[in-house]
Amino acid sequence: MIKSVELRAAIDHESFVRTGACRDRDYYALARTAHAFTVTVAVVLAFFVSGCVNAEISAGRADLAKGDYAAAHEKFAAAAKVGKLSSSERRELADGLCLTEFKLGPPQYPRAEQRETCVGASAHPGSSSPPIVASIDAAERDDTEAAVHRALAADDLAEAEDAVIRYQTFPGADQGAIGGWSKQIWAKLDGDEKHGKNHDRHLQPAISAISQRYPKIRAMNEAEFKHWIMTNATVSDTPLVDRVDLRGHTLDLHVASRNLPDIAFNLDHFIRINDAMVARCRCAGRTNIAEEGSGLPVYLVRIDTDTRNSAALVMPQPH
């Protein structure tokens, strides 16, 4: 057996000298005892830490049962920072954080933050958080739908377009509603054009600036102008436009769905085309890029009075 002085030396990492025939045997015994002591300390520490984690989880459960979501969130957040967690503990803590943030809600936990927490929790096998993610998405979708209706009622077409585009990103988005909103935006844009609602004091300087960049366009007849459009709507020998219609101050470009990806990468061509339309009519000309079949606008190109250039707006589309 190792004497107490030797054990103390092993524990305190002190050196000592032993002589005699049993030196090697005693050294081996000492090493085994020191290792056993180290392992025991590690196990005790791990047990102690695990006990702290479990205590925080238990306290969090109790707060949840009482409906004290703020206190529960605090307990779960503290437990998440202590020690090494088992997979079941990680899942429970993640689900607890998701549930409490969802229940506490804005302004403390905005929806975007709630969703990020709950999506992370949902990644754990057996998580109870996926229904909460769906509930957050449904609430955000409903709010965005209401925003579309408000914007359309107020004739705020830019806000309506933005809201519809946001709405399209949500699971379960009503594709029929998206198509209907797109038609309403399209109709309102036509109405604004007919009644001159878009003609403000900033338009004329923009029209003049654009027209100066295309001095030869105004002299073209309709056939020549359409040919110019088709030439400028061709990329790498591929025509991106199937048909061109001129309606007063409006240019309708009909495109095939197969060409939409190329159009998205070459919108500068269509901005140039609308600039030419503005120069030709000396007006607030606009270009509608519509998909053949649905007839719905994919892009609307019109004057941006701030930059005195044409700008393309992405129009909402049902998928």
C-alpha atoms as a PDB file:
ATOM      1  CA  MET A   1       0.000   0.000   0.000  1.00  0.00           C
ATOM      2  CA  ILE A   2       1.201   3.498  -0.750  1.00  0.00           C
ATOM      3  CA  LYS A   3       1.978   5.559   2.291  1.00  0.00           C
ATOM      4  CA  SER A   4       0.025   8.744   2.890  1.00  0.00           C
ATOM      5  CA  VAL A   5       3.025  10.927   2.088  1.00  0.00           C
ATOM      6  CA  GLU A   6       3.214   9.347  -1.353  1.00  0.00           C
ATOM      7  CA  LEU A   7      -0.504   9.908  -1.992  1.00  0.00           C
ATOM      8  CA  ARG A   8      -0.173  13.528  -0.970  1.00  0.00           C
ATOM      9  CA  ALA A   9       2.725  13.901  -3.338  1.00  0.00           C
ATOM     10  CA  ALA A  10       0.687  12.419  -6.179  1.00  0.00           C
ATOM     11  CA  ILE A  11      -2.244  14.698  -5.474  1.00  0.00           C
ATOM     12  CA  ASP A  12      -0.074  17.787  -5.010  1.00  0.00           C
ATOM     13  CA  HIS A  13       2.196  16.847  -7.936  1.00  0.00           C
ATOM     14  CA  GLU A  14       5.211  16.807  -5.535  1.00  0.00           C
ATOM     15  CA  SER A  15       8.283  14.702  -6.267  1.00  0.00           C
ATOM     16  CA  PHE A  16       9.553  12.138  -3.764  1.00  0.00           C
ATOM     17  CA  VAL A  17      12.257   9.398  -3.724  1.00  0.00           C
ATOM     18  CA  ARG A  18      11.738   5.796  -2.734  1.00  0.00           C
ATOM     19  CA  THR A  19      14.408   3.133  -2.564  1.00  0.00           C
ATOM     20  CA  GLY A  20      14.325  -0.634  -2.306  1.00  0.00           C
ATOM     21  CA  ALA A  21      13.238  -3.639  -4.339  1.00  0.00           C
ATOM     22  CA  CYS A  22       9.567  -2.576  -4.432  1.00  0.00           C
ATOM     23  CA  ARG A  23      10.210   0.853  -5.936  1.00  0.00           C
ATOM     24  CA  ASP A  24       8.816  -0.027  -9.379  1.00  0.00           C
ATOM     25  CA  ARG A  25       5.792  -1.781  -7.903  1.00  0.00           C
ATOM     26  CA  ASP A  26       5.046   1.130  -5.585  1.00  0.00           C
ATOM     27  CA  TYR A  27       5.499   3.626  -8.432  1.00  0.00           C
ATOM     28  CA  TYR A  28       2.934   1.713 -10.482  1.00  0.00           C
ATOM     29  CA  ALA A  29       0.513   1.626  -7.556  1.00  0.00           C
ATOM     30  CA  LEU A  30       1.014   5.323  -7.009  1.00  0.00           C
ATOM     31  CA  ALA A  31       0.261   6.075 -10.647  1.00  0.00           C
ATOM     32  CA  ARG A  32      -2.914   3.976 -10.495  1.00  0.00           C
ATOM     33  CA  THR A  33      -4.070   5.704  -7.345  1.00  0.00           C
ATOM     34  CA  ALA A  34      -3.378   9.170  -8.732  1.00  0.00           C
ATOM     35  CA  HIS A  35      -5.295   8.324 -11.935  1.00  0.00           C
ATOM     36  CA  ALA A  36      -8.230   6.963  -9.925  1.00  0.00           C
ATOM     37  CA  PHE A  37      -8.278  10.137  -7.860  1.00  0.00           C
ATOM     38  CA  THR A  38      -8.298  12.321 -11.003  1.00  0.00           C
ATOM     39  CA  VAL A  39     -11.134  10.337 -12.570  1.00  0.00           C
ATOM     40  CA  THR A  40     -13.131  10.498  -9.355  1.00  0.00           C
ATOM     41  CA  VAL A  41     -12.757  14.261  -9.188  1.00  0.00           C
ATOM     42  CA  ALA A  42     -13.848  14.567 -12.830  1.00  0.00           C
ATOM     43  CA  VAL A  43     -16.916  12.395 -12.250  1.00  0.00           C
ATOM     44  CA  VAL A  44     -17.888  14.367  -9.165  1.00  0.00           C
ATOM     45  CA  LEU A  45     -17.498  17.650 -11.023  1.00  0.00           C
ATOM     46  CA  ALA A  46     -19.531  16.352 -13.982  1.00  0.00           C
ATOM     47  CA  PHE A  47     -22.256  15.143 -11.648  1.00  0.00           C
ATOM     48  CA  PHE A  48     -22.275  18.491  -9.866  1.00  0.00           C
ATOM     49  CA  VAL A  49     -22.544  20.422 -13.147  1.00  0.00           C
ATOM     50  CA  SER A  50     -25.248  18.068 -14.435  1.00  0.00           C
ATOM     51  CA  GLY A  51     -27.135  18.605 -11.223  1.00  0.00           C
ATOM     52  CA  CYS A  52     -26.997  22.374 -11.766  1.00  0.00           C
ATOM     53  CA  VAL A  53     -28.312  21.993 -15.315  1.00  0.00           C
ATOM     54  CA  ASN A  54     -31.104  19.686 -14.229  1.00  0.00           C
ATOM     55  CA  ALA A  55     -32.025  22.046 -11.412  1.00  0.00           C
ATOM     56  CA  GLU A  56     -32.322  24.957 -13.858  1.00  0.00           C
ATOM     57  CA  ILE A  57     -34.406  22.854 -16.239  1.00  0.00           C
ATOM     58  CA  SER A  58     -36.672  21.720 -13.407  1.00  0.00           C
ATOM     59  CA  ALA A  59     -37.076  25.305 -12.244  1.00  0.00           C
ATOM     60  CA  GLY A  60     -37.856  26.368 -15.808  1.00  0.00           C
ATOM     61  CA  ARG A  61     -40.510  23.667 -16.092  1.00  0.00           C
ATOM     62  CA  ALA A  62     -42.082  24.879 -12.862  1.00  0.00           C
ATOM     63  CA  ASP A  63     -42.159  28.477 -14.127  1.00  0.00           C
ATOM     64  CA  LEU A  64     -43.771  27.310 -17.384  1.00  0.00           C
ATOM     65  CA  ALA A  65     -46.462  25.501 -15.429  1.00  0.00           C
ATOM     66  CA  LYS A  66     -47.205  28.749 -13.577  1.00  0.00           C
ATOM     67  CA  GLY A  67     -47.263  30.742 -16.812  1.00  0.00           C
ATOM     68  CA  ASP A  68     -44.263  32.811 -15.730  1.00  0.00           C
ATOM     69  CA  TYR A  69     -42.611  32.831 -19.164  1.00  0.00           C
ATOM     70  CA  ALA A  70     -40.052  35.524 -18.366  1.00  0.00           C
ATOM     71  CA  ALA A  71     -38.713  33.558 -15.390  1.00  0.00           C
ATOM     72  CA  ALA A  72     -38.778  30.314 -17.366  1.00  0.00           C
ATOM     73  CA  HIS A  73     -36.824  31.906 -20.205  1.00  0.00           C
ATOM     74  CA  GLU A  74     -34.224  33.145 -17.726  1.00  0.00           C
ATOM     75  CA  LYS A  75     -33.833  29.632 -16.266  1.00  0.00           C
ATOM     76  CA  PHE A  76     -33.535  27.969 -19.665  1.00  0.00           C
ATOM     77  CA  ALA A  77     -31.038  30.567 -20.887  1.00  0.00           C
ATOM     78  CA  ALA A  78     -28.932  30.011 -17.744  1.00  0.00           C
ATOM     79  CA  ALA A  79     -29.050  26.223 -18.131  1.00  0.00           C
ATOM     80  CA  ALA A  80     -27.922  26.497 -21.749  1.00  0.00           C
ATOM     81  CA  LYS A  81     -24.654  28.100 -20.573  1.00  0.00           C
ATOM     82  CA  VAL A  82     -23.766  25.524 -17.913  1.00  0.00           C
ATOM     83  CA  GLY A  83     -21.813  22.350 -18.539  1.00  0.00           C
ATOM     84  CA  LYS A  84     -22.138  19.677 -21.158  1.00  0.00           C
ATOM     85  CA  LEU A  85     -25.744  18.906 -22.097  1.00  0.00           C
ATOM     86  CA  SER A  86     -27.220  15.641 -23.237  1.00  0.00           C
ATOM     87  CA  SER A  87     -29.176  15.597 -26.502  1.00  0.00           C
ATOM     88  CA  SER A  88     -32.482  15.470 -24.632  1.00  0.00           C
ATOM     89  CA  GLU A  89     -31.437  18.418 -22.459  1.00  0.00           C
ATOM     90  CA  ARG A  90     -30.400  20.428 -25.520  1.00  0.00           C
ATOM     91  CA  ARG A  91     -33.761  19.705 -27.141  1.00  0.00           C
ATOM     92  CA  GLU A  92     -35.722  20.642 -24.019  1.00  0.00           C
ATOM     93  CA  LEU A  93     -33.806  23.875 -23.534  1.00  0.00           C
ATOM     94  CA  ALA A  94     -34.172  24.863 -27.205  1.00  0.00           C
ATOM     95  CA  ASP A  95     -37.898  24.123 -27.121  1.00  0.00           C
ATOM     96  CA  GLY A  96     -38.225  26.022 -23.842  1.00  0.00           C
ATOM     97  CA  LEU A  97     -36.515  29.095 -25.263  1.00  0.00           C
ATOM     98  CA  CYS A  98     -38.707  28.908 -28.374  1.00  0.00           C
ATOM     99  CA  LEU A  99     -41.939  28.603 -26.390  1.00  0.00           C
ATOM    100  CA  THR A 100     -41.117  31.364 -23.914  1.00  0.00           C
ATOM    101  CA  GLU A 101     -40.002  33.830 -26.618  1.00  0.00           C
ATOM    102  CA  PHE A 102     -43.170  33.061 -28.569  1.00  0.00           C
ATOM    103  CA  LYS A 103     -45.336  33.624 -25.502  1.00  0.00           C
ATOM    104  CA  LEU A 104     -43.543  36.806 -24.432  1.00  0.00           C
ATOM    105  CA  GLY A 105     -43.652  38.158 -28.001  1.00  0.00           C
ATOM    106  CA  PRO A 106     -42.883  41.671 -29.254  1.00  0.00           C
ATOM    107  CA  PRO A 107     -41.418  44.096 -28.434  1.00  0.00           C
ATOM    108  CA  GLN A 108     -39.097  42.014 -26.255  1.00  0.00           C
ATOM    109  CA  TYR A 109     -38.904  39.269 -28.875  1.00  0.00           C
ATOM    110  CA  PRO A 110     -39.820  40.468 -32.381  1.00  0.00           C
ATOM    111  CA  ARG A 111     -41.266  37.850 -34.694  1.00  0.00           C
ATOM    112  CA  ALA A 112     -38.076  37.550 -36.712  1.00  0.00           C
ATOM    113  CA  GLU A 113     -36.136  36.767 -33.519  1.00  0.00           C
ATOM    114  CA  GLN A 114     -38.805  34.321 -32.342  1.00  0.00           C
ATOM    115  CA  ARG A 115     -38.692  32.531 -35.665  1.00  0.00           C
ATOM    116  CA  GLU A 116     -34.898  32.250 -35.659  1.00  0.00           C
ATOM    117  CA  THR A 117     -34.958  30.696 -32.170  1.00  0.00           C
ATOM    118  CA  CYS A 118     -37.785  28.307 -33.033  1.00  0.00           C
ATOM    119  CA  VAL A 119     -36.319  27.227 -36.366  1.00  0.00           C
ATOM    120  CA  GLY A 120     -33.100  26.382 -34.507  1.00  0.00           C
ATOM    121  CA  ALA A 121     -35.083  24.421 -31.920  1.00  0.00           C
ATOM    122  CA  SER A 122     -36.974  22.552 -34.645  1.00  0.00           C
ATOM    123  CA  ALA A 123     -33.686  21.119 -35.912  1.00  0.00           C
ATOM    124  CA  HIS A 124     -33.449  18.864 -32.831  1.00  0.00           C
ATOM    125  CA  PRO A 125     -34.976  15.406 -33.382  1.00  0.00           C
ATOM    126  CA  GLY A 126     -38.268  15.110 -31.527  1.00  0.00           C
ATOM    127  CA  SER A 127     -38.634  18.883 -31.095  1.00  0.00           C
ATOM    128  CA  SER A 128     -42.035  20.313 -30.192  1.00  0.00           C
ATOM    129  CA  SER A 129     -41.236  23.650 -31.872  1.00  0.00           C
ATOM    130  CA  PRO A 130     -42.331  23.138 -35.547  1.00  0.00           C
ATOM    131  CA  PRO A 131     -45.999  24.053 -34.804  1.00  0.00           C
ATOM    132  CA  ILE A 132     -44.794  27.301 -33.242  1.00  0.00           C
ATOM    133  CA  VAL A 133     -42.786  28.119 -36.381  1.00  0.00           C
ATOM    134  CA  ALA A 134     -45.939  27.502 -38.430  1.00  0.00           C
ATOM    135  CA  SER A 135     -47.938  29.758 -36.097  1.00  0.00           C
ATOM    136  CA  ILE A 136     -45.381  32.573 -36.388  1.00  0.00           C
ATOM    137  CA  ASP A 137     -45.408  32.275 -40.192  1.00  0.00           C
ATOM    138  CA  ALA A 138     -49.211  32.293 -40.286  1.00  0.00           C
ATOM    139  CA  ALA A 139     -49.407  35.433 -38.137  1.00  0.00           C
ATOM    140  CA  GLU A 140     -46.807  37.214 -40.259  1.00  0.00           C
ATOM    141  CA  ARG A 141     -48.568  36.109 -43.446  1.00  0.00           C
ATOM    142  CA  ASP A 142     -51.925  37.426 -42.177  1.00  0.00           C
ATOM    143  CA  ASP A 143     -50.381  40.767 -41.184  1.00  0.00           C
ATOM    144  CA  THR A 144     -48.723  41.087 -44.588  1.00  0.00           C
ATOM    145  CA  GLU A 145     -51.999  40.297 -46.346  1.00  0.00           C
ATOM    146  CA  ALA A 146     -53.678  43.051 -44.344  1.00  0.00           C
ATOM    147  CA  ALA A 147     -50.839  45.405 -45.382  1.00  0.00           C
ATOM    148  CA  VAL A 148     -51.541  44.604 -49.051  1.00  0.00           C
ATOM    149  CA  HIS A 149     -55.216  45.522 -48.669  1.00  0.00           C
ATOM    150  CA  ARG A 150     -54.377  48.767 -46.842  1.00  0.00           C
ATOM    151  CA  ALA A 151     -51.873  49.790 -49.501  1.00  0.00           C
ATOM    152  CA  LEU A 152     -54.254  49.024 -52.369  1.00  0.00           C
ATOM    153  CA  ALA A 153     -57.069  50.935 -50.649  1.00  0.00           C
ATOM    154  CA  ALA A 154     -54.743  53.922 -50.242  1.00  0.00           C
ATOM    155  CA  ASP A 155     -53.514  53.638 -53.869  1.00  0.00           C
ATOM    156  CA  ASP A 156     -49.977  53.231 -52.513  1.00  0.00           C
ATOM    157  CA  LEU A 157     -48.869  50.924 -55.302  1.00  0.00           C
ATOM    158  CA  ALA A 158     -45.189  50.827 -54.330  1.00  0.00           C
ATOM    159  CA  GLU A 159     -46.079  49.652 -50.811  1.00  0.00           C
ATOM    160  CA  ALA A 160     -48.628  47.199 -52.247  1.00  0.00           C
ATOM    161  CA  GLU A 161     -45.976  45.695 -54.538  1.00  0.00           C
ATOM    162  CA  ASP A 162     -43.512  45.349 -51.644  1.00  0.00           C
ATOM    163  CA  ALA A 163     -46.145  43.742 -49.399  1.00  0.00           C
ATOM    164  CA  VAL A 164     -47.242  41.249 -52.060  1.00  0.00           C
ATOM    165  CA  ILE A 165     -43.634  40.252 -52.719  1.00  0.00           C
ATOM    166  CA  ARG A 166     -43.144  39.674 -48.951  1.00  0.00           C
ATOM    167  CA  TYR A 167     -46.382  37.696 -48.827  1.00  0.00           C
ATOM    168  CA  GLN A 168     -45.159  35.332 -51.544  1.00  0.00           C
ATOM    169  CA  THR A 169     -42.305  34.127 -49.332  1.00  0.00           C
ATOM    170  CA  PHE A 170     -44.594  32.585 -46.696  1.00  0.00           C
ATOM    171  CA  PRO A 171     -45.565  28.894 -46.724  1.00  0.00           C
ATOM    172  CA  GLY A 172     -49.252  28.567 -47.555  1.00  0.00           C
ATOM    173  CA  ALA A 173     -49.426  31.859 -49.461  1.00  0.00           C
ATOM    174  CA  ASP A 174     -52.698  32.058 -51.429  1.00  0.00           C
ATOM    175  CA  GLN A 175     -51.628  31.948 -55.070  1.00  0.00           C
ATOM    176  CA  GLY A 176     -55.066  33.048 -56.267  1.00  0.00           C
ATOM    177  CA  ALA A 177     -54.868  36.125 -54.052  1.00  0.00           C
ATOM    178  CA  ILE A 178     -51.417  36.959 -55.438  1.00  0.00           C
ATOM    179  CA  GLY A 179     -52.751  36.805 -58.995  1.00  0.00           C
ATOM    180  CA  GLY A 180     -55.706  39.000 -58.048  1.00  0.00           C
ATOM    181  CA  TRP A 181     -53.509  41.597 -56.363  1.00  0.00           C
ATOM    182  CA  SER A 182     -51.202  41.676 -59.367  1.00  0.00           C
ATOM    183  CA  LYS A 183     -54.166  42.408 -61.627  1.00  0.00           C
ATOM    184  CA  GLN A 184     -55.351  45.164 -59.291  1.00  0.00           C
ATOM    185  CA  ILE A 185     -51.907  46.772 -59.297  1.00  0.00           C
ATOM    186  CA  TRP A 186     -51.805  46.451 -63.088  1.00  0.00           C
ATOM    187  CA  ALA A 187     -55.256  48.059 -63.426  1.00  0.00           C
ATOM    188  CA  LYS A 188     -54.403  50.890 -61.037  1.00  0.00           C
ATOM    189  CA  LEU A 189     -51.199  51.607 -62.935  1.00  0.00           C
ATOM    190  CA  ASP A 190     -53.212  51.811 -66.155  1.00  0.00           C
ATOM    191  CA  GLY A 191     -55.705  54.117 -64.459  1.00  0.00           C
ATOM    192  CA  ASP A 192     -52.948  56.365 -63.154  1.00  0.00           C
ATOM    193  CA  GLU A 193     -51.500  56.606 -66.651  1.00  0.00           C
ATOM    194  CA  LYS A 194     -54.852  57.493 -68.226  1.00  0.00           C
ATOM    195  CA  HIS A 195     -55.677  60.125 -65.618  1.00  0.00           C
ATOM    196  CA  GLY A 196     -52.192  61.609 -65.412  1.00  0.00           C
ATOM    197  CA  LYS A 197     -51.763  60.849 -61.713  1.00  0.00           C
ATOM    198  CA  ASN A 198     -48.062  60.188 -62.129  1.00  0.00           C
ATOM    199  CA  HIS A 199     -47.340  63.568 -63.726  1.00  0.00           C
ATOM    200  CA  ASP A 200     -45.665  65.742 -61.136  1.00  0.00           C
ATOM    201  CA  ARG A 201     -43.326  68.711 -61.337  1.00  0.00           C
ATOM    202  CA  HIS A 202     -40.252  66.455 -61.167  1.00  0.00           C
ATOM    203  CA  LEU A 203     -41.128  64.456 -64.272  1.00  0.00           C
ATOM    204  CA  GLN A 204     -40.398  67.051 -66.939  1.00  0.00           C
ATOM    205  CA  PRO A 205     -36.736  67.561 -65.984  1.00  0.00           C
ATOM    206  CA  ALA A 206     -36.307  63.763 -65.927  1.00  0.00           C
ATOM    207  CA  ILE A 207     -37.993  63.405 -69.340  1.00  0.00           C
ATOM    208  CA  SER A 208     -35.743  66.094 -70.809  1.00  0.00           C
ATOM    209  CA  ALA A 209     -32.588  64.523 -69.367  1.00  0.00           C
ATOM    210  CA  ILE A 210     -33.493  61.081 -70.737  1.00  0.00           C
ATOM    211  CA  SER A 211     -34.508  62.440 -74.155  1.00  0.00           C
ATOM    212  CA  GLN A 212     -31.158  64.141 -74.629  1.00  0.00           C
ATOM    213  CA  ARG A 213     -29.454  60.753 -74.435  1.00  0.00           C
ATOM    214  CA  TYR A 214     -31.487  59.357 -77.363  1.00  0.00           C
ATOM    215  CA  PRO A 215     -31.603  62.139 -79.996  1.00  0.00           C
ATOM    216  CA  LYS A 216     -32.396  59.833 -82.957  1.00  0.00           C
ATOM    217  CA  ILE A 217     -35.239  57.823 -81.436  1.00  0.00           C
ATOM    218  CA  ARG A 218     -37.917  60.494 -81.944  1.00  0.00           C
ATOM    219  CA  ALA A 219     -37.406  60.418 -85.720  1.00  0.00           C
ATOM    220  CA  MET A 220     -38.202  56.667 -85.942  1.00  0.00           C
ATOM    221  CA  ASN A 221     -41.569  55.477 -87.200  1.00  0.00           C
ATOM    222  CA  GLU A 222     -43.390  52.700 -85.350  1.00  0.00           C
ATOM    223  CA  ALA A 223     -41.906  49.839 -87.402  1.00  0.00           C
ATOM    224  CA  GLU A 224     -38.376  51.179 -87.002  1.00  0.00           C
ATOM    225  CA  PHE A 225     -38.840  51.664 -83.290  1.00  0.00           C
ATOM    226  CA  LYS A 226     -40.147  48.111 -82.826  1.00  0.00           C
ATOM    227  CA  HIS A 227     -37.152  46.782 -84.741  1.00  0.00           C
ATOM    228  CA  TRP A 228     -34.852  48.837 -82.500  1.00  0.00           C
ATOM    229  CA  ILE A 229     -36.559  47.337 -79.438  1.00  0.00           C
ATOM    230  CA  MET A 230     -36.185  43.754 -80.674  1.00  0.00           C
ATOM    231  CA  THR A 231     -32.507  44.376 -81.426  1.00  0.00           C
ATOM    232  CA  ASN A 232     -31.874  45.764 -77.957  1.00  0.00           C
ATOM    233  CA  ALA A 233     -33.854  42.937 -76.352  1.00  0.00           C
ATOM    234  CA  THR A 234     -31.551  40.323 -77.894  1.00  0.00           C
ATOM    235  CA  VAL A 235     -28.731  38.910 -75.770  1.00  0.00           C
ATOM    236  CA  SER A 236     -26.100  36.497 -77.130  1.00  0.00           C
ATOM    237  CA  ASP A 237     -28.162  36.107 -80.303  1.00  0.00           C
ATOM    238  CA  THR A 238     -31.220  35.098 -78.240  1.00  0.00           C
ATOM    239  CA  PRO A 239     -34.343  37.308 -78.538  1.00  0.00           C
ATOM    240  CA  LEU A 240     -35.833  37.783 -75.076  1.00  0.00           C
ATOM    241  CA  VAL A 241     -39.063  39.378 -76.344  1.00  0.00           C
ATOM    242  CA  ASP A 242     -41.678  37.572 -78.429  1.00  0.00           C
ATOM    243  CA  ARG A 243     -44.017  40.473 -79.225  1.00  0.00           C
ATOM    244  CA  VAL A 244     -44.059  44.284 -78.954  1.00  0.00           C
ATOM    245  CA  ASP A 245     -47.233  46.382 -78.592  1.00  0.00           C
ATOM    246  CA  LEU A 246     -47.342  50.193 -78.457  1.00  0.00           C
ATOM    247  CA  ARG A 247     -50.268  51.809 -76.604  1.00  0.00           C
ATOM    248  CA  GLY A 248     -49.862  55.570 -76.461  1.00  0.00           C
ATOM    249  CA  HIS A 249     -47.347  56.226 -73.692  1.00  0.00           C
ATOM    250  CA  THR A 250     -47.101  52.527 -72.793  1.00  0.00           C
ATOM    251  CA  LEU A 251     -44.932  49.809 -74.280  1.00  0.00           C
ATOM    252  CA  ASP A 252     -46.009  46.182 -73.745  1.00  0.00           C
ATOM    253  CA  LEU A 253     -43.329  43.543 -74.154  1.00  0.00           C
ATOM    254  CA  HIS A 254     -44.611  39.949 -74.186  1.00  0.00           C
ATOM    255  CA  VAL A 255     -42.059  37.374 -73.073  1.00  0.00           C
ATOM    256  CA  ALA A 256     -41.977  33.587 -72.749  1.00  0.00           C
ATOM    257  CA  SER A 257     -41.553  32.081 -69.287  1.00  0.00           C
ATOM    258  CA  ARG A 258     -38.399  30.278 -70.440  1.00  0.00           C
ATOM    259  CA  ASN A 259     -36.723  33.672 -70.963  1.00  0.00           C
ATOM    260  CA  LEU A 260     -37.487  35.098 -67.519  1.00  0.00           C
ATOM    261  CA  PRO A 261     -34.142  34.057 -65.946  1.00  0.00           C
ATOM    262  CA  ASP A 262     -32.221  35.763 -68.777  1.00  0.00           C
ATOM    263  CA  ILE A 263     -34.403  38.853 -68.486  1.00  0.00           C
ATOM    264  CA  ALA A 264     -33.679  39.060 -64.764  1.00  0.00           C
ATOM    265  CA  PHE A 265     -29.934  39.119 -65.508  1.00  0.00           C
ATOM    266  CA  ASN A 266     -30.300  41.675 -68.310  1.00  0.00           C
ATOM    267  CA  LEU A 267     -32.717  44.252 -66.931  1.00  0.00           C
ATOM    268  CA  ASP A 268     -30.351  47.008 -68.059  1.00  0.00           C
ATOM    269  CA  HIS A 269     -31.459  46.272 -71.650  1.00  0.00           C
ATOM    270  CA  PHE A 270     -35.079  46.938 -70.705  1.00  0.00           C
ATOM    271  CA  ILE A 271     -34.214  50.064 -68.750  1.00  0.00           C
ATOM    272  CA  ARG A 272     -32.549  51.348 -71.936  1.00  0.00           C
ATOM    273  CA  ILE A 273     -35.659  50.422 -73.936  1.00  0.00           C
ATOM    274  CA  ASN A 274     -37.909  52.395 -71.597  1.00  0.00           C
ATOM    275  CA  ASP A 275     -35.542  55.355 -71.741  1.00  0.00           C
ATOM    276  CA  ALA A 276     -35.947  55.224 -75.520  1.00  0.00           C
ATOM    277  CA  MET A 277     -39.739  55.068 -75.110  1.00  0.00           C
ATOM    278  CA  VAL A 278     -39.603  58.214 -72.947  1.00  0.00           C
ATOM    279  CA  ALA A 279     -37.424  59.977 -75.532  1.00  0.00           C
ATOM    280  CA  ARG A 280     -39.746  58.960 -78.375  1.00  0.00           C
ATOM    281  CA  CYS A 281     -42.973  60.210 -76.813  1.00  0.00           C
ATOM    282  CA  ARG A 282     -41.429  62.991 -74.702  1.00  0.00           C
ATOM    283  CA  CYS A 283     -43.660  61.740 -71.922  1.00  0.00           C
ATOM    284  CA  ALA A 284     -43.616  59.645 -68.754  1.00  0.00           C
ATOM    285  CA  GLY A 285     -43.407  56.488 -70.833  1.00  0.00           C
ATOM    286  CA  ARG A 286     -43.546  53.109 -69.188  1.00  0.00           C
ATOM    287  CA  THR A 287     -42.738  49.562 -70.238  1.00  0.00           C
ATOM    288  CA  ASN A 288     -44.696  46.525 -69.064  1.00  0.00           C
ATOM    289  CA  ILE A 289     -42.904  43.197 -69.346  1.00  0.00           C
ATOM    290  CA  ALA A 290     -45.657  40.590 -69.278  1.00  0.00           C
ATOM    291  CA  GLU A 291     -45.461  36.801 -69.365  1.00  0.00           C
ATOM    292  CA  GLU A 292     -47.229  35.162 -72.286  1.00  0.00           C
ATOM    293  CA  GLY A 293     -50.140  33.044 -71.109  1.00  0.00           C
ATOM    294  CA  SER A 294     -50.893  34.659 -67.739  1.00  0.00           C
ATOM    295  CA  GLY A 295     -50.762  38.189 -69.159  1.00  0.00           C
ATOM    296  CA  LEU A 296     -49.612  39.407 -65.749  1.00  0.00           C
ATOM    297  CA  PRO A 297     -46.775  41.941 -65.583  1.00  0.00           C
ATOM    298  CA  VAL A 298     -43.459  40.491 -64.462  1.00  0.00           C
ATOM    299  CA  TYR A 299     -41.610  43.817 -64.445  1.00  0.00           C
ATOM    300  CA  LEU A 300     -42.716  47.412 -64.695  1.00  0.00           C
ATOM    301  CA  VAL A 301     -40.132  49.886 -66.008  1.00  0.00           C
ATOM    302  CA  ARG A 302     -40.816  53.588 -65.509  1.00  0.00           C
ATOM    303  CA  ILE A 303     -39.087  56.902 -64.787  1.00  0.00           C
ATOM    304  CA  ASP A 304     -37.339  57.389 -61.481  1.00  0.00           C
ATOM    305  CA  THR A 305     -37.433  61.159 -60.959  1.00  0.00           C
ATOM    306  CA  ASP A 306     -34.628  61.029 -58.393  1.00  0.00           C
ATOM    307  CA  THR A 307     -32.072  59.458 -60.737  1.00  0.00           C
ATOM    308  CA  ARG A 308     -33.577  60.787 -64.017  1.00  0.00           C
ATOM    309  CA  ASN A 309     -33.313  57.273 -65.416  1.00  0.00           C
ATOM    310  CA  SER A 310     -35.776  54.477 -65.899  1.00  0.00           C
ATOM    311  CA  ALA A 311     -36.010  51.879 -63.128  1.00  0.00           C
ATOM    312  CA  ALA A 312     -37.429  48.352 -63.086  1.00  0.00           C
ATOM    313  CA  LEU A 313     -39.888  47.211 -60.434  1.00  0.00           C
ATOM    314  CA  VAL A 314     -40.450  43.510 -59.787  1.00  0.00           C
ATOM    315  CA  MET A 315     -44.174  42.735 -59.949  1.00  0.00           C
ATOM    316  CA  PRO A 316     -45.716  40.041 -57.728  1.00  0.00           C
ATOM    317  CA  GLN A 317     -46.400  36.732 -59.455  1.00  0.00           C
ATOM    318  CA  PRO A 318     -48.328  33.636 -58.359  1.00  0.00           C
ATOM    319  CA  HIS A 319     -46.167  30.510 -58.398  1.00  0.00           C
END
